[in-house]
Amino acid sequence: MIFEKVRDALASQFELDPETVTLETNLIDDLGADSLDVVELIMELEDEFGVTISDEAAAELYTVQRIVDYLEKLQ
């Protein structure tokens, strides 16, 4: 369920087919995300999951797998 929400958020933000987003997807290398894209994604995830993600943690969240793992720890 967490993966699906993250996948859908990325698909919406980057105008992608959700099926193309996998756990191995890298925000920068695969999606071409810049720092503003990452900030927008973090804000959306915070709203979606009702959590706060520190800047230090956000800097480590560069793959879908890392994002999912981090959010699972907060649940």
Protein backbone atom coordinates (compact mmCIF):
# COMPACT_ATOMS: atom_id res chain seq x y z
CA MET A 1 0.00 0.00 0.00
CA ILE A 2 2.82 2.44 0.80
CA PHE A 3 4.55 1.57 -2.46
CA GLU A 4 1.37 2.22 -4.43
CA LYS A 5 0.89 5.65 -2.85
CA VAL A 6 4.52 6.59 -3.49
CA ARG A 7 4.31 5.25 -7.05
CA ASP A 8 1.14 7.22 -7.73
CA ALA A 9 2.64 10.41 -6.28
CA LEU A 10 5.69 10.06 -8.50
CA ALA A 11 3.61 9.20 -11.56
CA SER A 12 1.46 12.27 -11.01
CA GLN A 13 4.37 14.63 -10.34
CA PHE A 14 6.47 13.45 -13.28
CA GLU A 15 3.54 12.64 -15.61
CA LEU A 16 4.48 8.98 -15.90
CA ASP A 17 2.61 5.74 -16.33
CA PRO A 18 2.50 4.36 -12.75
CA GLU A 19 3.49 0.93 -14.10
CA THR A 20 6.91 2.34 -15.07
CA VAL A 21 7.77 3.19 -11.44
CA THR A 22 9.44 0.33 -9.56
CA LEU A 23 11.16 -0.03 -6.20
CA GLU A 24 14.48 0.39 -8.02
CA THR A 25 13.48 3.71 -9.62
CA ASN A 26 16.02 6.43 -8.79
CA LEU A 27 14.53 9.90 -8.52
CA ILE A 28 17.53 11.66 -9.99
CA ASP A 29 19.01 9.13 -12.41
CA ASP A 30 15.77 7.66 -13.76
CA LEU A 31 13.29 10.52 -13.40
CA GLY A 32 15.62 13.50 -13.77
CA ALA A 33 14.37 15.03 -10.53
CA ASP A 34 16.00 18.24 -9.37
CA SER A 35 16.05 19.62 -5.83
CA LEU A 36 12.69 21.38 -6.25
CA ASP A 37 11.09 18.14 -7.48
CA VAL A 38 12.39 16.32 -4.42
CA VAL A 39 11.10 19.02 -2.05
CA GLU A 40 7.66 18.89 -3.70
CA LEU A 41 7.60 15.10 -3.43
CA ILE A 42 8.61 15.18 0.24
CA MET A 43 5.86 17.70 0.98
CA GLU A 44 3.29 15.56 -0.81
CA LEU A 45 4.40 12.44 1.07
CA GLU A 46 4.24 14.30 4.39
CA ASP A 47 0.66 15.32 3.63
CA GLU A 48 -0.34 11.88 2.33
CA PHE A 49 1.08 9.95 5.27
CA GLY A 50 0.69 12.56 8.03
CA VAL A 51 4.39 12.51 8.88
CA THR A 52 7.29 14.94 9.05
CA ILE A 53 10.41 14.09 7.07
CA SER A 54 13.58 15.87 8.19
CA ASP A 55 15.94 17.42 5.66
CA GLU A 56 18.59 14.91 6.70
CA ALA A 57 16.26 11.98 6.04
CA ALA A 58 15.02 13.49 2.78
CA ALA A 59 18.59 13.66 1.48
CA GLU A 60 18.79 9.86 1.76
CA LEU A 61 15.49 9.18 0.00
CA TYR A 62 16.70 8.96 -3.58
CA THR A 63 15.11 5.65 -4.62
CA VAL A 64 11.54 4.43 -4.32
CA GLN A 65 12.75 1.55 -2.14
CA ARG A 66 14.39 3.94 0.33
CA ILE A 67 11.23 6.06 0.46
CA VAL A 68 9.02 3.02 1.10
CA ASP A 69 11.37 1.64 3.76
CA TYR A 70 11.52 5.01 5.53
CA LEU A 71 7.73 5.45 5.52
CA GLU A 72 7.22 1.89 6.78
CA LYS A 73 9.44 2.66 9.79
CA LEU A 74 7.25 5.67 10.62
CA GLN A 75 3.99 3.70 10.53
